Amino acid sequence: MAHKDYYDALGLKKGASEEEIKKAYRKLALKYHPDKNPGNSEAEDKFKEINEAYAVLSDPQKRAQYDQFGSSGFHQRYSQEDIFRGFDVGDLFKDMGYGTDDIFSRIFGGAGGGFRQGGFGFGGG
């Protein structure tokens, strides 16, 4: 199965700096955030895709593996669970003015307390 290129998902070229990755992610996360696109399944899919891309490219070890083996090789070595292990969703949105409880409350109608750090998976793959 072919996997989407994470750099393409964020509109970047391989070798992008950490700051470029973070900036691209923030821009796209705000654009495709479920609050801004209620009921839009295409935006939801894109939001999941950019979250997965950021989970890999923002982690130096995962990014090195991704760069070395490419998308298909990376996915042979990493499961969906591995990709999001250690990925703290709350940190991503702090700088955008959202708290973790705000995000989950808005997306899931107040179910924010049920999620744990590193356990937020977006499915697919």
PDB file of N, CA and C in Angstrom:
ATOM      1  N   MET A   1       0.843  -1.185   0.000  1.00  0.00           N
ATOM      2  CA  MET A   1       0.000   0.000   0.000  1.00  0.00           C
ATOM      3  C   MET A   1       0.885   1.244   0.000  1.00  0.00           C
ATOM      4  N   ALA A   2       0.552   2.201  -0.848  1.00  0.00           N
ATOM      5  CA  ALA A   2       1.327   3.441  -0.925  1.00  0.00           C
ATOM      6  C   ALA A   2       0.937   4.364   0.222  1.00  0.00           C
ATOM      7  N   HIS A   3       1.926   5.023   0.768  1.00  0.00           N
ATOM      8  CA  HIS A   3       1.689   5.959   1.867  1.00  0.00           C
ATOM      9  C   HIS A   3       2.005   7.363   1.391  1.00  0.00           C
ATOM     10  N   LYS A   4       1.253   8.318   1.879  1.00  0.00           N
ATOM     11  CA  LYS A   4       1.464   9.725   1.554  1.00  0.00           C
ATOM     12  C   LYS A   4       2.809  10.183   2.096  1.00  0.00           C
ATOM     13  N   ASP A   5       3.496  10.983   1.317  1.00  0.00           N
ATOM     14  CA  ASP A   5       4.767  11.556   1.754  1.00  0.00           C
ATOM     15  C   ASP A   5       4.488  12.629   2.801  1.00  0.00           C
ATOM     16  N   TYR A   6       5.134  12.505   3.948  1.00  0.00           N
ATOM     17  CA  TYR A   6       4.879  13.436   5.048  1.00  0.00           C
ATOM     18  C   TYR A   6       5.325  14.860   4.721  1.00  0.00           C
ATOM     19  N   TYR A   7       6.398  15.011   4.000  1.00  0.00           N
ATOM     20  CA  TYR A   7       6.822  16.360   3.621  1.00  0.00           C
ATOM     21  C   TYR A   7       5.781  16.993   2.697  1.00  0.00           C
ATOM     22  N   ASP A   8       5.287  16.215   1.726  1.00  0.00           N
ATOM     23  CA  ASP A   8       4.241  16.722   0.837  1.00  0.00           C
ATOM     24  C   ASP A   8       2.987  17.101   1.616  1.00  0.00           C
ATOM     25  N   ALA A   9       2.643  16.284   2.605  1.00  0.00           N
ATOM     26  CA  ALA A   9       1.441  16.547   3.402  1.00  0.00           C
ATOM     27  C   ALA A   9       1.501  17.917   4.065  1.00  0.00           C
ATOM     28  N   LEU A  10       2.717  18.333   4.435  1.00  0.00           N
ATOM     29  CA  LEU A  10       2.892  19.639   5.081  1.00  0.00           C
ATOM     30  C   LEU A  10       3.319  20.725   4.097  1.00  0.00           C
ATOM     31  N   GLY A  11       3.415  20.374   2.810  1.00  0.00           N
ATOM     32  CA  GLY A  11       3.805  21.351   1.798  1.00  0.00           C
ATOM     33  C   GLY A  11       5.266  21.739   1.884  1.00  0.00           C
ATOM     34  N   LEU A  12       6.112  20.790   2.279  1.00  0.00           N
ATOM     35  CA  LEU A  12       7.538  21.058   2.490  1.00  0.00           C
ATOM     36  C   LEU A  12       8.402  20.157   1.625  1.00  0.00           C
ATOM     37  N   LYS A  13       9.673  20.515   1.545  1.00  0.00           N
ATOM     38  CA  LYS A  13      10.659  19.678   0.870  1.00  0.00           C
ATOM     39  C   LYS A  13      11.479  18.950   1.923  1.00  0.00           C
ATOM     40  N   LYS A  14      11.986  17.780   1.555  1.00  0.00           N
ATOM     41  CA  LYS A  14      12.863  17.032   2.456  1.00  0.00           C
ATOM     42  C   LYS A  14      14.028  17.933   2.844  1.00  0.00           C
ATOM     43  N   GLY A  15      14.392  17.901   4.096  1.00  0.00           N
ATOM     44  CA  GLY A  15      15.462  18.763   4.588  1.00  0.00           C
ATOM     45  C   GLY A  15      14.948  20.039   5.232  1.00  0.00           C
ATOM     46  N   ALA A  16      13.621  20.177   5.323  1.00  0.00           N
ATOM     47  CA  ALA A  16      13.045  21.363   5.970  1.00  0.00           C
ATOM     48  C   ALA A  16      13.516  21.434   7.423  1.00  0.00           C
ATOM     49  N   SER A  17      13.671  22.650   7.914  1.00  0.00           N
ATOM     50  CA  SER A  17      14.117  22.844   9.297  1.00  0.00           C
ATOM     51  C   SER A  17      12.981  22.523  10.268  1.00  0.00           C
ATOM     52  N   GLU A  18      13.341  22.338  11.541  1.00  0.00           N
ATOM     53  CA  GLU A  18      12.328  22.098  12.573  1.00  0.00           C
ATOM     54  C   GLU A  18      11.328  23.246  12.617  1.00  0.00           C
ATOM     55  N   GLU A  19      11.831  24.459  12.488  1.00  0.00           N
ATOM     56  CA  GLU A  19      10.953  25.631  12.531  1.00  0.00           C
ATOM     57  C   GLU A  19      10.007  25.656  11.329  1.00  0.00           C
ATOM     58  N   GLU A  20      10.495  25.298  10.144  1.00  0.00           N
ATOM     59  CA  GLU A  20       9.636  25.243   8.960  1.00  0.00           C
ATOM     60  C   GLU A  20       8.543  24.183   9.122  1.00  0.00           C
ATOM     61  N   ILE A  21       8.914  23.049   9.698  1.00  0.00           N
ATOM     62  CA  ILE A  21       7.942  21.975   9.926  1.00  0.00           C
ATOM     63  C   ILE A  21       6.866  22.438  10.898  1.00  0.00           C
ATOM     64  N   LYS A  22       7.286  23.055  11.992  1.00  0.00           N
ATOM     65  CA  LYS A  22       6.335  23.533  12.999  1.00  0.00           C
ATOM     66  C   LYS A  22       5.410  24.602  12.414  1.00  0.00           C
ATOM     67  N   LYS A  23       5.974  25.526  11.664  1.00  0.00           N
ATOM     68  CA  LYS A  23       5.185  26.610  11.076  1.00  0.00           C
ATOM     69  C   LYS A  23       4.160  26.064  10.072  1.00  0.00           C
ATOM     70  N   ALA A  24       4.601  25.143   9.214  1.00  0.00           N
ATOM     71  CA  ALA A  24       3.694  24.553   8.227  1.00  0.00           C
ATOM     72  C   ALA A  24       2.580  23.773   8.916  1.00  0.00           C
ATOM     73  N   TYR A  25       2.949  23.028   9.943  1.00  0.00           N
ATOM     74  CA  TYR A  25       1.946  22.256  10.679  1.00  0.00           C
ATOM     75  C   TYR A  25       0.898  23.182  11.303  1.00  0.00           C
ATOM     76  N   ARG A  26       1.347  24.199  11.982  1.00  0.00           N
ATOM     77  CA  ARG A  26       0.405  25.112  12.655  1.00  0.00           C
ATOM     78  C   ARG A  26      -0.564  25.741  11.665  1.00  0.00           C
ATOM     79  N   LYS A  27      -0.033  26.180  10.538  1.00  0.00           N
ATOM     80  CA  LYS A  27      -0.863  26.813   9.518  1.00  0.00           C
ATOM     81  C   LYS A  27      -1.939  25.842   9.021  1.00  0.00           C
ATOM     82  N   LEU A  28      -1.522  24.616   8.707  1.00  0.00           N
ATOM     83  CA  LEU A  28      -2.467  23.633   8.194  1.00  0.00           C
ATOM     84  C   LEU A  28      -3.425  23.135   9.272  1.00  0.00           C
ATOM     85  N   ALA A  29      -2.941  22.986  10.499  1.00  0.00           N
ATOM     86  CA  ALA A  29      -3.806  22.531  11.593  1.00  0.00           C
ATOM     87  C   ALA A  29      -4.925  23.533  11.842  1.00  0.00           C
ATOM     88  N   LEU A  30      -4.608  24.804  11.782  1.00  0.00           N
ATOM     89  CA  LEU A  30      -5.646  25.822  11.953  1.00  0.00           C
ATOM     90  C   LEU A  30      -6.634  25.800  10.790  1.00  0.00           C
ATOM     91  N   LYS A  31      -6.127  25.607   9.579  1.00  0.00           N
ATOM     92  CA  LYS A  31      -6.986  25.589   8.392  1.00  0.00           C
ATOM     93  C   LYS A  31      -7.944  24.399   8.396  1.00  0.00           C
ATOM     94  N   TYR A  32      -7.444  23.228   8.777  1.00  0.00           N
ATOM     95  CA  TYR A  32      -8.243  22.007   8.687  1.00  0.00           C
ATOM     96  C   TYR A  32      -8.816  21.539  10.018  1.00  0.00           C
ATOM     97  N   HIS A  33      -8.675  22.338  11.049  1.00  0.00           N
ATOM     98  CA  HIS A  33      -9.155  21.958  12.377  1.00  0.00           C
ATOM     99  C   HIS A  33     -10.657  21.676  12.325  1.00  0.00           C
ATOM    100  N   PRO A  34     -11.110  20.617  13.010  1.00  0.00           N
ATOM    101  CA  PRO A  34     -12.539  20.269  12.993  1.00  0.00           C
ATOM    102  C   PRO A  34     -13.473  21.399  13.423  1.00  0.00           C
ATOM    103  N   ASP A  35     -13.032  22.278  14.310  1.00  0.00           N
ATOM    104  CA  ASP A  35     -13.875  23.411  14.714  1.00  0.00           C
ATOM    105  C   ASP A  35     -14.169  24.340  13.548  1.00  0.00           C
ATOM    106  N   LYS A  36     -13.232  24.443  12.628  1.00  0.00           N
ATOM    107  CA  LYS A  36     -13.409  25.345  11.492  1.00  0.00           C
ATOM    108  C   LYS A  36     -14.083  24.654  10.314  1.00  0.00           C
ATOM    109  N   ASN A  37     -14.234  23.335  10.403  1.00  0.00           N
ATOM    110  CA  ASN A  37     -14.797  22.557   9.303  1.00  0.00           C
ATOM    111  C   ASN A  37     -15.771  21.494   9.813  1.00  0.00           C
ATOM    112  N   PRO A  38     -16.776  21.898  10.586  1.00  0.00           N
ATOM    113  CA  PRO A  38     -17.686  20.893  11.150  1.00  0.00           C
ATOM    114  C   PRO A  38     -18.394  20.092  10.055  1.00  0.00           C
ATOM    115  N   GLY A  39     -18.366  18.767  10.207  1.00  0.00           N
ATOM    116  CA  GLY A  39     -19.047  17.900   9.257  1.00  0.00           C
ATOM    117  C   GLY A  39     -18.326  17.692   7.941  1.00  0.00           C
ATOM    118  N   ASN A  40     -17.136  18.249   7.785  1.00  0.00           N
ATOM    119  CA  ASN A  40     -16.385  18.131   6.535  1.00  0.00           C
ATOM    120  C   ASN A  40     -15.392  16.975   6.659  1.00  0.00           C
ATOM    121  N   SER A  41     -15.732  15.838   6.070  1.00  0.00           N
ATOM    122  CA  SER A  41     -14.886  14.648   6.209  1.00  0.00           C
ATOM    123  C   SER A  41     -13.545  14.805   5.493  1.00  0.00           C
ATOM    124  N   GLU A  42     -13.503  15.567   4.406  1.00  0.00           N
ATOM    125  CA  GLU A  42     -12.226  15.786   3.713  1.00  0.00           C
ATOM    126  C   GLU A  42     -11.270  16.588   4.596  1.00  0.00           C
ATOM    127  N   ALA A  43     -11.781  17.609   5.263  1.00  0.00           N
ATOM    128  CA  ALA A  43     -10.948  18.400   6.170  1.00  0.00           C
ATOM    129  C   ALA A  43     -10.501  17.546   7.350  1.00  0.00           C
ATOM    130  N   GLU A  44     -11.381  16.691   7.843  1.00  0.00           N
ATOM    131  CA  GLU A  44     -11.024  15.798   8.950  1.00  0.00           C
ATOM    132  C   GLU A  44      -9.900  14.848   8.543  1.00  0.00           C
ATOM    133  N   ASP A  45     -10.004  14.294   7.337  1.00  0.00           N
ATOM    134  CA  ASP A  45      -8.951  13.396   6.840  1.00  0.00           C
ATOM    135  C   ASP A  45      -7.626  14.136   6.689  1.00  0.00           C
ATOM    136  N   LYS A  46      -7.693  15.362   6.182  1.00  0.00           N
ATOM    137  CA  LYS A  46      -6.476  16.159   6.024  1.00  0.00           C
ATOM    138  C   LYS A  46      -5.879  16.486   7.391  1.00  0.00           C
ATOM    139  N   PHE A  47      -6.719  16.807   8.360  1.00  0.00           N
ATOM    140  CA  PHE A  47      -6.254  17.099   9.715  1.00  0.00           C
ATOM    141  C   PHE A  47      -5.528  15.888  10.295  1.00  0.00           C
ATOM    142  N   LYS A  48      -6.083  14.707  10.113  1.00  0.00           N
ATOM    143  CA  LYS A  48      -5.436  13.479  10.586  1.00  0.00           C
ATOM    144  C   LYS A  48      -4.100  13.265   9.880  1.00  0.00           C
ATOM    145  N   GLU A  49      -4.086  13.504   8.583  1.00  0.00           N
ATOM    146  CA  GLU A  49      -2.867  13.322   7.789  1.00  0.00           C
ATOM    147  C   GLU A  49      -1.748  14.251   8.250  1.00  0.00           C
ATOM    148  N   ILE A  50      -2.071  15.519   8.473  1.00  0.00           N
ATOM    149  CA  ILE A  50      -1.019  16.451   8.884  1.00  0.00           C
ATOM    150  C   ILE A  50      -0.567  16.180  10.315  1.00  0.00           C
ATOM    151  N   ASN A  51      -1.466  15.684  11.159  1.00  0.00           N
ATOM    152  CA  ASN A  51      -1.059  15.301  12.512  1.00  0.00           C
ATOM    153  C   ASN A  51      -0.086  14.137  12.471  1.00  0.00           C
ATOM    154  N   GLU A  52      -0.363  13.157  11.633  1.00  0.00           N
ATOM    155  CA  GLU A  52       0.545  12.015  11.505  1.00  0.00           C
ATOM    156  C   GLU A  52       1.891  12.474  10.956  1.00  0.00           C
ATOM    157  N   ALA A  53       1.859  13.334   9.942  1.00  0.00           N
ATOM    158  CA  ALA A  53       3.105  13.843   9.367  1.00  0.00           C
ATOM    159  C   ALA A  53       3.918  14.585  10.422  1.00  0.00           C
ATOM    160  N   TYR A  54       3.252  15.419  11.200  1.00  0.00           N
ATOM    161  CA  TYR A  54       3.959  16.183  12.228  1.00  0.00           C
ATOM    162  C   TYR A  54       4.483  15.281  13.334  1.00  0.00           C
ATOM    163  N   ALA A  55       3.723  14.245  13.689  1.00  0.00           N
ATOM    164  CA  ALA A  55       4.168  13.308  14.730  1.00  0.00           C
ATOM    165  C   ALA A  55       5.487  12.654  14.348  1.00  0.00           C
ATOM    166  N   VAL A  56       5.679  12.399  13.070  1.00  0.00           N
ATOM    167  CA  VAL A  56       6.921  11.775  12.603  1.00  0.00           C
ATOM    168  C   VAL A  56       8.014  12.814  12.395  1.00  0.00           C
ATOM    169  N   LEU A  57       7.717  13.874  11.665  1.00  0.00           N
ATOM    170  CA  LEU A  57       8.760  14.837  11.291  1.00  0.00           C
ATOM    171  C   LEU A  57       9.229  15.704  12.449  1.00  0.00           C
ATOM    172  N   SER A  58       8.442  15.819  13.505  1.00  0.00           N
ATOM    173  CA  SER A  58       8.863  16.618  14.662  1.00  0.00           C
ATOM    174  C   SER A  58       9.684  15.798  15.657  1.00  0.00           C
ATOM    175  N   ASP A  59       9.752  14.499  15.461  1.00  0.00           N
ATOM    176  CA  ASP A  59      10.529  13.609  16.330  1.00  0.00           C
ATOM    177  C   ASP A  59      11.830  13.263  15.611  1.00  0.00           C
ATOM    178  N   PRO A  60      12.978  13.717  16.122  1.00  0.00           N
ATOM    179  CA  PRO A  60      14.247  13.510  15.406  1.00  0.00           C
ATOM    180  C   PRO A  60      14.543  12.052  15.058  1.00  0.00           C
ATOM    181  N   GLN A  61      14.246  11.133  15.948  1.00  0.00           N
ATOM    182  CA  GLN A  61      14.526   9.717  15.684  1.00  0.00           C
ATOM    183  C   GLN A  61      13.609   9.168  14.587  1.00  0.00           C
ATOM    184  N   LYS A  62      12.321   9.463  14.689  1.00  0.00           N
ATOM    185  CA  LYS A  62      11.376   8.984  13.676  1.00  0.00           C
ATOM    186  C   LYS A  62      11.661   9.637  12.327  1.00  0.00           C
ATOM    187  N   ARG A  63      11.999  10.914  12.363  1.00  0.00           N
ATOM    188  CA  ARG A  63      12.291  11.613  11.114  1.00  0.00           C
ATOM    189  C   ARG A  63      13.522  11.021  10.437  1.00  0.00           C
ATOM    190  N   ALA A  64      14.551  10.701  11.200  1.00  0.00           N
ATOM    191  CA  ALA A  64      15.765  10.098  10.629  1.00  0.00           C
ATOM    192  C   ALA A  64      15.432   8.757   9.973  1.00  0.00           C
ATOM    193  N   GLN A  65      14.598   7.961  10.634  1.00  0.00           N
ATOM    194  CA  GLN A  65      14.177   6.674  10.065  1.00  0.00           C
ATOM    195  C   GLN A  65      13.352   6.896   8.797  1.00  0.00           C
ATOM    196  N   TYR A  66      12.462   7.863   8.836  1.00  0.00           N
ATOM    197  CA  TYR A  66      11.625   8.175   7.679  1.00  0.00           C
ATOM    198  C   TYR A  66      12.491   8.634   6.507  1.00  0.00           C
ATOM    199  N   ASP A  67      13.443   9.514   6.778  1.00  0.00           N
ATOM    200  CA  ASP A  67      14.326  10.011   5.727  1.00  0.00           C
ATOM    201  C   ASP A  67      15.196   8.891   5.159  1.00  0.00           C
ATOM    202  N   GLN A  68      15.628   7.981   6.006  1.00  0.00           N
ATOM    203  CA  GLN A  68      16.500   6.891   5.568  1.00  0.00           C
ATOM    204  C   GLN A  68      15.747   5.851   4.736  1.00  0.00           C
ATOM    205  N   PHE A  69      14.562   5.463   5.175  1.00  0.00           N
ATOM    206  CA  PHE A  69      13.855   4.351   4.546  1.00  0.00           C
ATOM    207  C   PHE A  69      12.717   4.760   3.623  1.00  0.00           C
ATOM    208  N   GLY A  70      12.357   6.037   3.618  1.00  0.00           N
ATOM    209  CA  GLY A  70      11.237   6.485   2.805  1.00  0.00           C
ATOM    210  C   GLY A  70       9.906   6.100   3.431  1.00  0.00           C
ATOM    211  N   SER A  71       8.849   6.513   2.803  1.00  0.00           N
ATOM    212  CA  SER A  71       7.514   6.305   3.361  1.00  0.00           C
ATOM    213  C   SER A  71       7.166   4.825   3.514  1.00  0.00           C
ATOM    214  N   SER A  72       7.327   4.042   2.465  1.00  0.00           N
ATOM    215  CA  SER A  72       6.963   2.623   2.533  1.00  0.00           C
ATOM    216  C   SER A  72       7.826   1.868   3.526  1.00  0.00           C
ATOM    217  N   GLY A  73       9.136   2.097   3.489  1.00  0.00           N
ATOM    218  CA  GLY A  73      10.040   1.431   4.422  1.00  0.00           C
ATOM    219  C   GLY A  73       9.772   1.823   5.860  1.00  0.00           C
ATOM    220  N   PHE A  74       9.453   3.084   6.071  1.00  0.00           N
ATOM    221  CA  PHE A  74       9.139   3.562   7.416  1.00  0.00           C
ATOM    222  C   PHE A  74       7.906   2.844   7.957  1.00  0.00           C
ATOM    223  N   HIS A  75       6.880   2.730   7.130  1.00  0.00           N
ATOM    224  CA  HIS A  75       5.632   2.109   7.578  1.00  0.00           C
ATOM    225  C   HIS A  75       5.762   0.599   7.763  1.00  0.00           C
ATOM    226  N   GLN A  76       6.777   0.000   7.184  1.00  0.00           N
ATOM    227  CA  GLN A  76       7.037  -1.416   7.453  1.00  0.00           C
ATOM    228  C   GLN A  76       7.641  -1.589   8.842  1.00  0.00           C
ATOM    229  N   ARG A  77       8.296  -0.553   9.342  1.00  0.00           N
ATOM    230  CA  ARG A  77       8.969  -0.605  10.642  1.00  0.00           C
ATOM    231  C   ARG A  77       8.131  -0.019  11.784  1.00  0.00           C
ATOM    232  N   TYR A  78       7.249   0.920  11.468  1.00  0.00           N
ATOM    233  CA  TYR A  78       6.469   1.627  12.493  1.00  0.00           C
ATOM    234  C   TYR A  78       4.977   1.393  12.288  1.00  0.00           C
ATOM    235  N   SER A  79       4.306   1.022  13.366  1.00  0.00           N
ATOM    236  CA  SER A  79       2.847   0.901  13.333  1.00  0.00           C
ATOM    237  C   SER A  79       2.240   2.275  13.616  1.00  0.00           C
ATOM    238  N   GLN A  80       0.945   2.384  13.465  1.00  0.00           N
ATOM    239  CA  GLN A  80       0.232   3.617  13.794  1.00  0.00           C
ATOM    240  C   GLN A  80       0.469   3.971  15.259  1.00  0.00           C
ATOM    241  N   GLU A  81       0.450   2.966  16.115  1.00  0.00           N
ATOM    242  CA  GLU A  81       0.687   3.191  17.543  1.00  0.00           C
ATOM    243  C   GLU A  81       2.099   3.727  17.776  1.00  0.00           C
ATOM    244  N   ASP A  82       3.084   3.163  17.068  1.00  0.00           N
ATOM    245  CA  ASP A  82       4.466   3.632  17.207  1.00  0.00           C
ATOM    246  C   ASP A  82       4.603   5.090  16.779  1.00  0.00           C
ATOM    247  N   ILE A  83       3.915   5.442  15.709  1.00  0.00           N
ATOM    248  CA  ILE A  83       4.013   6.804  15.177  1.00  0.00           C
ATOM    249  C   ILE A  83       3.569   7.819  16.222  1.00  0.00           C
ATOM    250  N   PHE A  84       2.487   7.527  16.945  1.00  0.00           N
ATOM    251  CA  PHE A  84       1.945   8.490  17.894  1.00  0.00           C
ATOM    252  C   PHE A  84       2.435   8.301  19.322  1.00  0.00           C
ATOM    253  N   ARG A  85       3.266   7.295  19.569  1.00  0.00           N
ATOM    254  CA  ARG A  85       3.805   7.073  20.919  1.00  0.00           C
ATOM    255  C   ARG A  85       4.669   8.273  21.314  1.00  0.00           C
ATOM    256  N   GLY A  86       4.389   8.841  22.475  1.00  0.00           N
ATOM    257  CA  GLY A  86       5.147   9.989  22.960  1.00  0.00           C
ATOM    258  C   GLY A  86       4.721  11.310  22.347  1.00  0.00           C
ATOM    259  N   PHE A  87       3.709  11.295  21.511  1.00  0.00           N
ATOM    260  CA  PHE A  87       3.234  12.486  20.821  1.00  0.00           C
ATOM    261  C   PHE A  87       2.183  13.155  21.690  1.00  0.00           C
ATOM    262  N   ASP A  88       2.497  14.319  22.240  1.00  0.00           N
ATOM    263  CA  ASP A  88       1.598  15.024  23.148  1.00  0.00           C
ATOM    264  C   ASP A  88       0.798  16.057  22.372  1.00  0.00           C
ATOM    265  N   VAL A  89      -0.450  15.744  22.124  1.00  0.00           N
ATOM    266  CA  VAL A  89      -1.325  16.631  21.368  1.00  0.00           C
ATOM    267  C   VAL A  89      -1.430  18.003  22.021  1.00  0.00           C
ATOM    268  N   GLY A  90      -1.440  18.035  23.348  1.00  0.00           N
ATOM    269  CA  GLY A  90      -1.575  19.304  24.057  1.00  0.00           C
ATOM    270  C   GLY A  90      -0.475  20.288  23.734  1.00  0.00           C
ATOM    271  N   ASP A  91       0.755  19.802  23.591  1.00  0.00           N
ATOM    272  CA  ASP A  91       1.871  20.689  23.270  1.00  0.00           C
ATOM    273  C   ASP A  91       1.690  21.365  21.923  1.00  0.00           C
ATOM    274  N   LEU A  92       1.061  20.681  20.999  1.00  0.00           N
ATOM    275  CA  LEU A  92       0.894  21.228  19.659  1.00  0.00           C
ATOM    276  C   LEU A  92       0.019  22.465  19.638  1.00  0.00           C
ATOM    277  N   PHE A  93      -0.989  22.473  20.497  1.00  0.00           N
ATOM    278  CA  PHE A  93      -1.971  23.540  20.436  1.00  0.00           C
ATOM    279  C   PHE A  93      -1.758  24.651  21.455  1.00  0.00           C
ATOM    280  N   LYS A  94      -0.850  24.457  22.393  1.00  0.00           N
ATOM    281  CA  LYS A  94      -0.593  25.493  23.402  1.00  0.00           C
ATOM    282  C   LYS A  94      -0.234  26.821  22.754  1.00  0.00           C
ATOM    283  N   ASP A  95       0.674  26.766  21.785  1.00  0.00           N
ATOM    284  CA  ASP A  95       1.122  27.991  21.141  1.00  0.00           C
ATOM    285  C   ASP A  95       0.053  28.613  20.251  1.00  0.00           C
ATOM    286  N   MET A  96      -1.001  27.860  19.947  1.00  0.00           N
ATOM    287  CA  MET A  96      -2.087  28.386  19.129  1.00  0.00           C
ATOM    288  C   MET A  96      -3.206  28.947  19.993  1.00  0.00           C
ATOM    289  N   GLY A  97      -3.013  28.910  21.330  1.00  0.00           N
ATOM    290  CA  GLY A  97      -4.008  29.471  22.222  1.00  0.00           C
ATOM    291  C   GLY A  97      -5.067  28.491  22.678  1.00  0.00           C
ATOM    292  N   TYR A  98      -4.872  27.214  22.404  1.00  0.00           N
ATOM    293  CA  TYR A  98      -5.802  26.184  22.848  1.00  0.00           C
ATOM    294  C   TYR A  98      -5.162  25.389  23.970  1.00  0.00           C
ATOM    295  N   GLY A  99      -5.952  25.020  24.964  1.00  0.00           N
ATOM    296  CA  GLY A  99      -5.523  24.073  25.979  1.00  0.00           C
ATOM    297  C   GLY A  99      -6.015  22.694  25.582  1.00  0.00           C
ATOM    298  N   THR A 100      -5.422  21.656  26.132  1.00  0.00           N
ATOM    299  CA  THR A 100      -5.829  20.292  25.799  1.00  0.00           C
ATOM    300  C   THR A 100      -7.308  20.078  26.070  1.00  0.00           C
ATOM    301  N   ASP A 101      -7.795  20.545  27.206  1.00  0.00           N
ATOM    302  CA  ASP A 101      -9.211  20.372  27.524  1.00  0.00           C
ATOM    303  C   ASP A 101     -10.102  21.105  26.528  1.00  0.00           C
ATOM    304  N   ASP A 102      -9.659  22.292  26.079  1.00  0.00           N
ATOM    305  CA  ASP A 102     -10.424  23.042  25.089  1.00  0.00           C
ATOM    306  C   ASP A 102     -10.561  22.254  23.795  1.00  0.00           C
ATOM    307  N   ILE A 103      -9.449  21.687  23.337  1.00  0.00           N
ATOM    308  CA  ILE A 103      -9.447  20.941  22.080  1.00  0.00           C
ATOM    309  C   ILE A 103     -10.416  19.770  22.161  1.00  0.00           C
ATOM    310  N   PHE A 104     -10.257  18.937  23.182  1.00  0.00           N
ATOM    311  CA  PHE A 104     -11.093  17.752  23.268  1.00  0.00           C
ATOM    312  C   PHE A 104     -12.541  18.100  23.554  1.00  0.00           C
ATOM    313  N   SER A 105     -12.771  19.153  24.303  1.00  0.00           N
ATOM    314  CA  SER A 105     -14.131  19.576  24.575  1.00  0.00           C
ATOM    315  C   SER A 105     -14.813  20.020  23.289  1.00  0.00           C
ATOM    316  N   ARG A 106     -14.108  20.765  22.474  1.00  0.00           N
ATOM    317  CA  ARG A 106     -14.683  21.256  21.225  1.00  0.00           C
ATOM    318  C   ARG A 106     -14.886  20.133  20.217  1.00  0.00           C
ATOM    319  N   ILE A 107     -13.926  19.232  20.133  1.00  0.00           N
ATOM    320  CA  ILE A 107     -14.015  18.161  19.145  1.00  0.00           C
ATOM    321  C   ILE A 107     -14.997  17.088  19.583  1.00  0.00           C
ATOM    322  N   PHE A 108     -14.912  16.698  20.857  1.00  0.00           N
ATOM    323  CA  PHE A 108     -15.663  15.542  21.317  1.00  0.00           C
ATOM    324  C   PHE A 108     -16.755  15.879  22.327  1.00  0.00           C
ATOM    325  N   GLY A 109     -17.096  17.138  22.460  1.00  0.00           N
ATOM    326  CA  GLY A 109     -18.192  17.525  23.332  1.00  0.00           C
ATOM    327  C   GLY A 109     -17.952  17.264  24.805  1.00  0.00           C
ATOM    328  N   GLY A 110     -16.738  17.573  25.270  1.00  0.00           N
ATOM    329  CA  GLY A 110     -16.453  17.462  26.692  1.00  0.00           C
ATOM    330  C   GLY A 110     -15.822  16.164  27.112  1.00  0.00           C
ATOM    331  N   ALA A 111     -15.384  15.336  26.170  1.00  0.00           N
ATOM    332  CA  ALA A 111     -14.806  14.034  26.518  1.00  0.00           C
ATOM    333  C   ALA A 111     -13.302  14.100  26.692  1.00  0.00           C
ATOM    334  N   GLY A 112     -12.758  15.269  26.932  1.00  0.00           N
ATOM    335  CA  GLY A 112     -11.310  15.437  26.991  1.00  0.00           C
ATOM    336  C   GLY A 112     -10.610  14.641  28.052  1.00  0.00           C
ATOM    337  N   GLY A 113     -11.256  14.336  29.147  1.00  0.00           N
ATOM    338  CA  GLY A 113     -10.588  13.631  30.221  1.00  0.00           C
ATOM    339  C   GLY A 113     -10.239  12.194  29.908  1.00  0.00           C
ATOM    340  N   GLY A 114     -10.777  11.643  28.827  1.00  0.00           N
ATOM    341  CA  GLY A 114     -10.551  10.243  28.531  1.00  0.00           C
ATOM    342  C   GLY A 114      -9.305   9.950  27.736  1.00  0.00           C
ATOM    343  N   PHE A 115      -8.556  10.944  27.362  1.00  0.00           N
ATOM    344  CA  PHE A 115      -7.377  10.724  26.542  1.00  0.00           C
ATOM    345  C   PHE A 115      -6.128  10.847  27.380  1.00  0.00           C
ATOM    346  N   ARG A 116      -5.134  10.056  27.027  1.00  0.00           N
ATOM    347  CA  ARG A 116      -3.867  10.099  27.747  1.00  0.00           C
ATOM    348  C   ARG A 116      -2.756  10.482  26.784  1.00  0.00           C
ATOM    349  N   GLN A 117      -1.707  11.031  27.321  1.00  0.00           N
ATOM    350  CA  GLN A 117      -0.572  11.435  26.502  1.00  0.00           C
ATOM    351  C   GLN A 117      -0.036  10.227  25.756  1.00  0.00           C
ATOM    352  N   GLY A 118       0.255  10.431  24.474  1.00  0.00           N
ATOM    353  CA  GLY A 118       0.839   9.372  23.677  1.00  0.00           C
ATOM    354  C   GLY A 118      -0.170   8.357  23.182  1.00  0.00           C
ATOM    355  N   GLY A 119      -1.417   8.473  23.575  1.00  0.00           N
ATOM    356  CA  GLY A 119      -2.389   7.480  23.184  1.00  0.00           C
ATOM    357  C   GLY A 119      -3.376   7.953  22.145  1.00  0.00           C
ATOM    358  N   PHE A 120      -3.180   9.095  21.580  1.00  0.00           N
ATOM    359  CA  PHE A 120      -4.120   9.658  20.635  1.00  0.00           C
ATOM    360  C   PHE A 120      -3.745   9.206  19.242  1.00  0.00           C
ATOM    361  N   GLY A 121      -4.474   8.275  18.701  1.00  0.00           N
ATOM    362  CA  GLY A 121      -4.204   7.779  17.355  1.00  0.00           C
ATOM    363  C   GLY A 121      -5.250   8.285  16.396  1.00  0.00           C
ATOM    364  N   PHE A 122      -4.867   8.454  15.164  1.00  0.00           N
ATOM    365  CA  PHE A 122      -5.782   8.999  14.177  1.00  0.00           C
ATOM    366  C   PHE A 122      -6.255   7.954  13.180  1.00  0.00           C
ATOM    367  N   GLY A 123      -5.840   6.719  13.346  1.00  0.00           N
ATOM    368  CA  GLY A 123      -6.277   5.660  12.442  1.00  0.00           C
ATOM    369  C   GLY A 123      -5.669   5.794  11.070  1.00  0.00           C
ATOM    370  N   GLY A 124      -6.152   5.035  10.141  1.00  0.00           N
ATOM    371  CA  GLY A 124      -5.637   5.070   8.776  1.00  0.00           C
ATOM    372  C   GLY A 124      -4.325   4.344   8.678  1.00  0.00           C
ATOM    373  N   GLY A 125      -3.583   4.659   7.608  1.00  0.00           N
ATOM    374  CA  GLY A 125      -2.254   4.091   7.497  1.00  0.00           C
ATOM    375  C   GLY A 125      -2.254   2.976   6.601  1.00  0.00           C
TER     376      GLY A 125
END
